[in-house]
Amino acid sequence: MKDLITRIAQALVDHPEQIVVTEVEGSQISVIELKVAKEDIGKIIGKQGRTARAIRTILGAASAKVKNRAVLEIIG
């Protein structure tokens, strides 16, 4: 999941070298934290949160396949 979020974020931002993705795994849920540069936060969130919602949808579908729930936290 961490690699998936990293690849998507790198395609969207202007400063891909500043992306930091951390994953905290639990027994039933994983929390994935995506940290990007301040000037790239708008590109990750998108208009009215549409891009962030799309990323979370992809993450939800991928995590359902491995039978583990994942939550994405975006940090600016």
PDB file of N, CA and C in Angstrom:
ATOM      1  N   MET A   1       0.816  -1.191   0.000  1.00  0.00           N
ATOM      2  CA  MET A   1       0.000   0.000   0.000  1.00  0.00           C
ATOM      3  C   MET A   1       0.865   1.263   0.000  1.00  0.00           C
ATOM      4  N   LYS A   2       1.961   1.182   0.728  1.00  0.00           N
ATOM      5  CA  LYS A   2       2.860   2.322   0.819  1.00  0.00           C
ATOM      6  C   LYS A   2       3.420   2.690  -0.554  1.00  0.00           C
ATOM      7  N   ASP A   3       3.792   1.691  -1.335  1.00  0.00           N
ATOM      8  CA  ASP A   3       4.335   1.931  -2.674  1.00  0.00           C
ATOM      9  C   ASP A   3       3.276   2.515  -3.607  1.00  0.00           C
ATOM     10  N   LEU A   4       2.050   2.053  -3.475  1.00  0.00           N
ATOM     11  CA  LEU A   4       0.953   2.547  -4.299  1.00  0.00           C
ATOM     12  C   LEU A   4       0.730   4.041  -4.067  1.00  0.00           C
ATOM     13  N   ILE A   5       0.660   4.452  -2.808  1.00  0.00           N
ATOM     14  CA  ILE A   5       0.440   5.857  -2.475  1.00  0.00           C
ATOM     15  C   ILE A   5       1.628   6.710  -2.920  1.00  0.00           C
ATOM     16  N   THR A   6       2.836   6.176  -2.777  1.00  0.00           N
ATOM     17  CA  THR A   6       4.031   6.912  -3.197  1.00  0.00           C
ATOM     18  C   THR A   6       4.004   7.176  -4.695  1.00  0.00           C
ATOM     19  N   ARG A   7       3.663   6.161  -5.480  1.00  0.00           N
ATOM     20  CA  ARG A   7       3.628   6.318  -6.940  1.00  0.00           C
ATOM     21  C   ARG A   7       2.571   7.326  -7.384  1.00  0.00           C
ATOM     22  N   ILE A   8       1.405   7.260  -6.771  1.00  0.00           N
ATOM     23  CA  ILE A   8       0.329   8.195  -7.134  1.00  0.00           C
ATOM     24  C   ILE A   8       0.739   9.626  -6.782  1.00  0.00           C
ATOM     25  N   ALA A   9       1.287   9.810  -5.593  1.00  0.00           N
ATOM     26  CA  ALA A   9       1.678  11.154  -5.142  1.00  0.00           C
ATOM     27  C   ALA A   9       2.801  11.722  -6.006  1.00  0.00           C
ATOM     28  N   GLN A  10       3.769  10.893  -6.392  1.00  0.00           N
ATOM     29  CA  GLN A  10       4.872  11.366  -7.228  1.00  0.00           C
ATOM     30  C   GLN A  10       4.377  11.868  -8.576  1.00  0.00           C
ATOM     31  N   ALA A  11       3.323  11.274  -9.090  1.00  0.00           N
ATOM     32  CA  ALA A  11       2.781  11.691 -10.379  1.00  0.00           C
ATOM     33  C   ALA A  11       2.040  13.028 -10.282  1.00  0.00           C
ATOM     34  N   LEU A  12       1.611  13.401  -9.090  1.00  0.00           N
ATOM     35  CA  LEU A  12       0.784  14.594  -8.937  1.00  0.00           C
ATOM     36  C   LEU A  12       1.546  15.854  -8.531  1.00  0.00           C
ATOM     37  N   VAL A  13       2.628  15.718  -7.785  1.00  0.00           N
ATOM     38  CA  VAL A  13       3.275  16.889  -7.174  1.00  0.00           C
ATOM     39  C   VAL A  13       4.429  17.433  -8.011  1.00  0.00           C
ATOM     40  N   ASP A  14       4.862  18.660  -7.672  1.00  0.00           N
ATOM     41  CA  ASP A  14       6.001  19.291  -8.333  1.00  0.00           C
ATOM     42  C   ASP A  14       7.327  18.906  -7.686  1.00  0.00           C
ATOM     43  N   HIS A  15       7.288  18.534  -6.404  1.00  0.00           N
ATOM     44  CA  HIS A  15       8.501  18.193  -5.659  1.00  0.00           C
ATOM     45  C   HIS A  15       8.416  16.755  -5.155  1.00  0.00           C
ATOM     46  N   PRO A  16       8.573  15.762  -6.037  1.00  0.00           N
ATOM     47  CA  PRO A  16       8.425  14.364  -5.613  1.00  0.00           C
ATOM     48  C   PRO A  16       9.495  13.903  -4.628  1.00  0.00           C
ATOM     49  N   GLU A  17      10.623  14.615  -4.569  1.00  0.00           N
ATOM     50  CA  GLU A  17      11.688  14.223  -3.638  1.00  0.00           C
ATOM     51  C   GLU A  17      11.316  14.517  -2.192  1.00  0.00           C
ATOM     52  N   GLN A  18      10.294  15.339  -1.954  1.00  0.00           N
ATOM     53  CA  GLN A  18       9.894  15.697  -0.595  1.00  0.00           C
ATOM     54  C   GLN A  18       8.739  14.854  -0.064  1.00  0.00           C
ATOM     55  N   ILE A  19       8.353  13.833  -0.800  1.00  0.00           N
ATOM     56  CA  ILE A  19       7.268  12.956  -0.364  1.00  0.00           C
ATOM     57  C   ILE A  19       7.792  11.976   0.675  1.00  0.00           C
ATOM     58  N   VAL A  20       7.059  11.879   1.776  1.00  0.00           N
ATOM     59  CA  VAL A  20       7.371  10.898   2.822  1.00  0.00           C
ATOM     60  C   VAL A  20       6.092  10.127   3.116  1.00  0.00           C
ATOM     61  N   VAL A  21       6.142   8.807   2.953  1.00  0.00           N
ATOM     62  CA  VAL A  21       4.988   7.960   3.226  1.00  0.00           C
ATOM     63  C   VAL A  21       5.366   6.998   4.345  1.00  0.00           C
ATOM     64  N   THR A  22       4.581   7.020   5.423  1.00  0.00           N
ATOM     65  CA  THR A  22       4.806   6.084   6.524  1.00  0.00           C
ATOM     66  C   THR A  22       3.539   5.256   6.723  1.00  0.00           C
ATOM     67  N   GLU A  23       3.730   4.023   7.127  1.00  0.00           N
ATOM     68  CA  GLU A  23       2.605   3.120   7.322  1.00  0.00           C
ATOM     69  C   GLU A  23       2.673   2.527   8.722  1.00  0.00           C
ATOM     70  N   VAL A  24       1.587   2.679   9.461  1.00  0.00           N
ATOM     71  CA  VAL A  24       1.474   2.093  10.795  1.00  0.00           C
ATOM     72  C   VAL A  24       0.443   0.980  10.684  1.00  0.00           C
ATOM     73  N   GLU A  25       0.896  -0.251  10.843  1.00  0.00           N
ATOM     74  CA  GLU A  25       0.010  -1.397  10.659  1.00  0.00           C
ATOM     75  C   GLU A  25      -0.536  -1.895  11.988  1.00  0.00           C
ATOM     76  N   GLY A  26      -1.820  -2.154  12.000  1.00  0.00           N
ATOM     77  CA  GLY A  26      -2.481  -2.765  13.141  1.00  0.00           C
ATOM     78  C   GLY A  26      -2.991  -4.138  12.737  1.00  0.00           C
ATOM     79  N   SER A  27      -3.762  -4.763  13.591  1.00  0.00           N
ATOM     80  CA  SER A  27      -4.258  -6.100  13.278  1.00  0.00           C
ATOM     81  C   SER A  27      -5.330  -6.068  12.185  1.00  0.00           C
ATOM     82  N   GLN A  28      -6.190  -5.042  12.196  1.00  0.00           N
ATOM     83  CA  GLN A  28      -7.252  -4.966  11.198  1.00  0.00           C
ATOM     84  C   GLN A  28      -7.209  -3.707  10.350  1.00  0.00           C
ATOM     85  N   ILE A  29      -6.433  -2.728  10.757  1.00  0.00           N
ATOM     86  CA  ILE A  29      -6.420  -1.450  10.040  1.00  0.00           C
ATOM     87  C   ILE A  29      -4.989  -0.934   9.925  1.00  0.00           C
ATOM     88  N   SER A  30      -4.691  -0.318   8.794  1.00  0.00           N
ATOM     89  CA  SER A  30      -3.395   0.325   8.572  1.00  0.00           C
ATOM     90  C   SER A  30      -3.632   1.812   8.354  1.00  0.00           C
ATOM     91  N   VAL A  31      -2.794   2.629   8.971  1.00  0.00           N
ATOM     92  CA  VAL A  31      -2.870   4.080   8.777  1.00  0.00           C
ATOM     93  C   VAL A  31      -1.670   4.478   7.936  1.00  0.00           C
ATOM     94  N   ILE A  32      -1.936   5.081   6.795  1.00  0.00           N
ATOM     95  CA  ILE A  32      -0.878   5.526   5.893  1.00  0.00           C
ATOM     96  C   ILE A  32      -0.850   7.045   5.936  1.00  0.00           C
ATOM     97  N   GLU A  33       0.303   7.591   6.311  1.00  0.00           N
ATOM     98  CA  GLU A  33       0.480   9.033   6.388  1.00  0.00           C
ATOM     99  C   GLU A  33       1.270   9.504   5.181  1.00  0.00           C
ATOM    100  N   LEU A  34       0.709  10.454   4.451  1.00  0.00           N
ATOM    101  CA  LEU A  34       1.353  11.027   3.273  1.00  0.00           C
ATOM    102  C   LEU A  34       1.751  12.459   3.597  1.00  0.00           C
ATOM    103  N   LYS A  35       3.046  12.723   3.591  1.00  0.00           N
ATOM    104  CA  LYS A  35       3.554  14.061   3.886  1.00  0.00           C
ATOM    105  C   LYS A  35       4.174  14.620   2.606  1.00  0.00           C
ATOM    106  N   VAL A  36       3.701  15.811   2.198  1.00  0.00           N
ATOM    107  CA  VAL A  36       4.210  16.458   0.988  1.00  0.00           C
ATOM    108  C   VAL A  36       4.630  17.890   1.336  1.00  0.00           C
ATOM    109  N   ALA A  37       5.285  18.545   0.391  1.00  0.00           N
ATOM    110  CA  ALA A  37       5.690  19.937   0.575  1.00  0.00           C
ATOM    111  C   ALA A  37       4.442  20.821   0.686  1.00  0.00           C
ATOM    112  N   LYS A  38       4.589  21.940   1.391  1.00  0.00           N
ATOM    113  CA  LYS A  38       3.453  22.847   1.613  1.00  0.00           C
ATOM    114  C   LYS A  38       2.825  23.321   0.303  1.00  0.00           C
ATOM    115  N   GLU A  39       3.662  23.594  -0.697  1.00  0.00           N
ATOM    116  CA  GLU A  39       3.121  24.102  -1.961  1.00  0.00           C
ATOM    117  C   GLU A  39       2.436  23.015  -2.791  1.00  0.00           C
ATOM    118  N   ASP A  40       2.617  21.742  -2.431  1.00  0.00           N
ATOM    119  CA  ASP A  40       2.000  20.638  -3.173  1.00  0.00           C
ATOM    120  C   ASP A  40       0.735  20.097  -2.515  1.00  0.00           C
ATOM    121  N   ILE A  41       0.386  20.592  -1.350  1.00  0.00           N
ATOM    122  CA  ILE A  41      -0.761  20.051  -0.624  1.00  0.00           C
ATOM    123  C   ILE A  41      -2.057  20.235  -1.416  1.00  0.00           C
ATOM    124  N   GLY A  42      -2.186  21.343  -2.124  1.00  0.00           N
ATOM    125  CA  GLY A  42      -3.382  21.582  -2.931  1.00  0.00           C
ATOM    126  C   GLY A  42      -3.518  20.617  -4.089  1.00  0.00           C
ATOM    127  N   LYS A  43      -2.396  20.187  -4.642  1.00  0.00           N
ATOM    128  CA  LYS A  43      -2.430  19.233  -5.753  1.00  0.00           C
ATOM    129  C   LYS A  43      -2.864  17.856  -5.288  1.00  0.00           C
ATOM    130  N   ILE A  44      -2.507  17.501  -4.067  1.00  0.00           N
ATOM    131  CA  ILE A  44      -2.903  16.201  -3.525  1.00  0.00           C
ATOM    132  C   ILE A  44      -4.376  16.213  -3.128  1.00  0.00           C
ATOM    133  N   ILE A  45      -4.836  17.316  -2.552  1.00  0.00           N
ATOM    134  CA  ILE A  45      -6.231  17.388  -2.116  1.00  0.00           C
ATOM    135  C   ILE A  45      -7.165  17.610  -3.301  1.00  0.00           C
ATOM    136  N   GLY A  46      -6.808  18.505  -4.210  1.00  0.00           N
ATOM    137  CA  GLY A  46      -7.632  18.748  -5.389  1.00  0.00           C
ATOM    138  C   GLY A  46      -8.805  19.665  -5.091  1.00  0.00           C
ATOM    139  N   LYS A  47      -9.547  20.001  -6.135  1.00  0.00           N
ATOM    140  CA  LYS A  47     -10.709  20.872  -5.975  1.00  0.00           C
ATOM    141  C   LYS A  47     -11.791  20.141  -5.185  1.00  0.00           C
ATOM    142  N   GLN A  48     -12.208  20.767  -4.092  1.00  0.00           N
ATOM    143  CA  GLN A  48     -13.237  20.234  -3.195  1.00  0.00           C
ATOM    144  C   GLN A  48     -12.892  18.827  -2.707  1.00  0.00           C
ATOM    145  N   GLY A  49     -11.599  18.502  -2.655  1.00  0.00           N
ATOM    146  CA  GLY A  49     -11.168  17.214  -2.125  1.00  0.00           C
ATOM    147  C   GLY A  49     -11.349  16.040  -3.064  1.00  0.00           C
ATOM    148  N   ARG A  50     -11.571  16.316  -4.327  1.00  0.00           N
ATOM    149  CA  ARG A  50     -11.847  15.230  -5.272  1.00  0.00           C
ATOM    150  C   ARG A  50     -10.657  14.306  -5.492  1.00  0.00           C
ATOM    151  N   THR A  51      -9.466  14.878  -5.606  1.00  0.00           N
ATOM    152  CA  THR A  51      -8.271  14.055  -5.821  1.00  0.00           C
ATOM    153  C   THR A  51      -7.998  13.190  -4.598  1.00  0.00           C
ATOM    154  N   ALA A  52      -8.099  13.769  -3.412  1.00  0.00           N
ATOM    155  CA  ALA A  52      -7.885  13.009  -2.178  1.00  0.00           C
ATOM    156  C   ALA A  52      -8.914  11.889  -2.052  1.00  0.00           C
ATOM    157  N   ARG A  53     -10.156  12.169  -2.404  1.00  0.00           N
ATOM    158  CA  ARG A  53     -11.209  11.160  -2.349  1.00  0.00           C
ATOM    159  C   ARG A  53     -10.920  10.032  -3.331  1.00  0.00           C
ATOM    160  N   ALA A  54     -10.411  10.373  -4.522  1.00  0.00           N
ATOM    161  CA  ALA A  54     -10.075   9.357  -5.510  1.00  0.00           C
ATOM    162  C   ALA A  54      -8.916   8.472  -5.037  1.00  0.00           C
ATOM    163  N   ILE A  55      -7.912   9.090  -4.416  1.00  0.00           N
ATOM    164  CA  ILE A  55      -6.787   8.323  -3.879  1.00  0.00           C
ATOM    165  C   ILE A  55      -7.273   7.385  -2.780  1.00  0.00           C
ATOM    166  N   ARG A  56      -8.152   7.871  -1.926  1.00  0.00           N
ATOM    167  CA  ARG A  56      -8.686   7.038  -0.842  1.00  0.00           C
ATOM    168  C   ARG A  56      -9.533   5.890  -1.393  1.00  0.00           C
ATOM    169  N   THR A  57     -10.248   6.127  -2.492  1.00  0.00           N
ATOM    170  CA  THR A  57     -11.037   5.072  -3.119  1.00  0.00           C
ATOM    171  C   THR A  57     -10.139   3.979  -3.672  1.00  0.00           C
ATOM    172  N   ILE A  58      -9.069   4.362  -4.351  1.00  0.00           N
ATOM    173  CA  ILE A  58      -8.105   3.388  -4.872  1.00  0.00           C
ATOM    174  C   ILE A  58      -7.473   2.609  -3.727  1.00  0.00           C
ATOM    175  N   LEU A  59      -7.113   3.307  -2.663  1.00  0.00           N
ATOM    176  CA  LEU A  59      -6.515   2.661  -1.501  1.00  0.00           C
ATOM    177  C   LEU A  59      -7.501   1.679  -0.858  1.00  0.00           C
ATOM    178  N   GLY A  60      -8.738   2.055  -0.777  1.00  0.00           N
ATOM    179  CA  GLY A  60      -9.762   1.172  -0.212  1.00  0.00           C
ATOM    180  C   GLY A  60      -9.955  -0.090  -1.032  1.00  0.00           C
ATOM    181  N   ALA A  61      -9.948   0.053  -2.351  1.00  0.00           N
ATOM    182  CA  ALA A  61     -10.096  -1.117  -3.220  1.00  0.00           C
ATOM    183  C   ALA A  61      -8.885  -2.035  -3.118  1.00  0.00           C
ATOM    184  N   ALA A  62      -7.698  -1.459  -3.068  1.00  0.00           N
ATOM    185  CA  ALA A  62      -6.482  -2.266  -2.963  1.00  0.00           C
ATOM    186  C   ALA A  62      -6.392  -2.951  -1.603  1.00  0.00           C
ATOM    187  N   SER A  63      -6.797  -2.257  -0.549  1.00  0.00           N
ATOM    188  CA  SER A  63      -6.720  -2.861   0.785  1.00  0.00           C
ATOM    189  C   SER A  63      -7.791  -3.936   0.973  1.00  0.00           C
ATOM    190  N   ALA A  64      -8.922  -3.801   0.304  1.00  0.00           N
ATOM    191  CA  ALA A  64      -9.954  -4.832   0.381  1.00  0.00           C
ATOM    192  C   ALA A  64      -9.470  -6.131  -0.257  1.00  0.00           C
ATOM    193  N   LYS A  65      -8.645  -6.012  -1.262  1.00  0.00           N
ATOM    194  CA  LYS A  65      -8.123  -7.199  -1.938  1.00  0.00           C
ATOM    195  C   LYS A  65      -7.232  -8.024  -1.008  1.00  0.00           C
ATOM    196  N   VAL A  66      -6.487  -7.352  -0.132  1.00  0.00           N
ATOM    197  CA  VAL A  66      -5.615  -8.065   0.809  1.00  0.00           C
ATOM    198  C   VAL A  66      -6.301  -8.252   2.169  1.00  0.00           C
ATOM    199  N   LYS A  67      -7.597  -7.960   2.229  1.00  0.00           N
ATOM    200  CA  LYS A  67      -8.424  -8.147   3.420  1.00  0.00           C
ATOM    201  C   LYS A  67      -7.899  -7.395   4.644  1.00  0.00           C
ATOM    202  N   ASN A  68      -7.519  -6.148   4.417  1.00  0.00           N
ATOM    203  CA  ASN A  68      -7.066  -5.277   5.496  1.00  0.00           C
ATOM    204  C   ASN A  68      -7.551  -3.871   5.182  1.00  0.00           C
ATOM    205  N   ARG A  69      -8.087  -3.162   6.161  1.00  0.00           N
ATOM    206  CA  ARG A  69      -8.589  -1.813   5.937  1.00  0.00           C
ATOM    207  C   ARG A  69      -7.444  -0.812   6.043  1.00  0.00           C
ATOM    208  N   ALA A  70      -7.438   0.174   5.173  1.00  0.00           N
ATOM    209  CA  ALA A  70      -6.389   1.196   5.186  1.00  0.00           C
ATOM    210  C   ALA A  70      -7.023   2.576   5.189  1.00  0.00           C
ATOM    211  N   VAL A  71      -6.401   3.489   5.941  1.00  0.00           N
ATOM    212  CA  VAL A  71      -6.879   4.872   6.041  1.00  0.00           C
ATOM    213  C   VAL A  71      -5.719   5.777   5.631  1.00  0.00           C
ATOM    214  N   LEU A  72      -6.019   6.792   4.831  1.00  0.00           N
ATOM    215  CA  LEU A  72      -4.995   7.730   4.367  1.00  0.00           C
ATOM    216  C   LEU A  72      -5.122   9.049   5.115  1.00  0.00           C
ATOM    217  N   GLU A  73      -4.009   9.484   5.705  1.00  0.00           N
ATOM    218  CA  GLU A  73      -3.923  10.799   6.349  1.00  0.00           C
ATOM    219  C   GLU A  73      -2.964  11.650   5.525  1.00  0.00           C
ATOM    220  N   ILE A  74      -3.407  12.839   5.116  1.00  0.00           N
ATOM    221  CA  ILE A  74      -2.566  13.738   4.325  1.00  0.00           C
ATOM    222  C   ILE A  74      -2.038  14.827   5.235  1.00  0.00           C
ATOM    223  N   ILE A  75      -0.717  14.972   5.271  1.00  0.00           N
ATOM    224  CA  ILE A  75      -0.069  15.942   6.141  1.00  0.00           C
ATOM    225  C   ILE A  75       0.695  16.935   5.270  1.00  0.00           C
ATOM    226  N   GLY A  76       0.492  18.214   5.502  1.00  0.00           N
ATOM    227  CA  GLY A  76       1.133  19.233   4.688  1.00  0.00           C
ATOM    228  C   GLY A  76       2.372  19.799   5.274  1.00  0.00           C
TER     229      GLY A  76
END
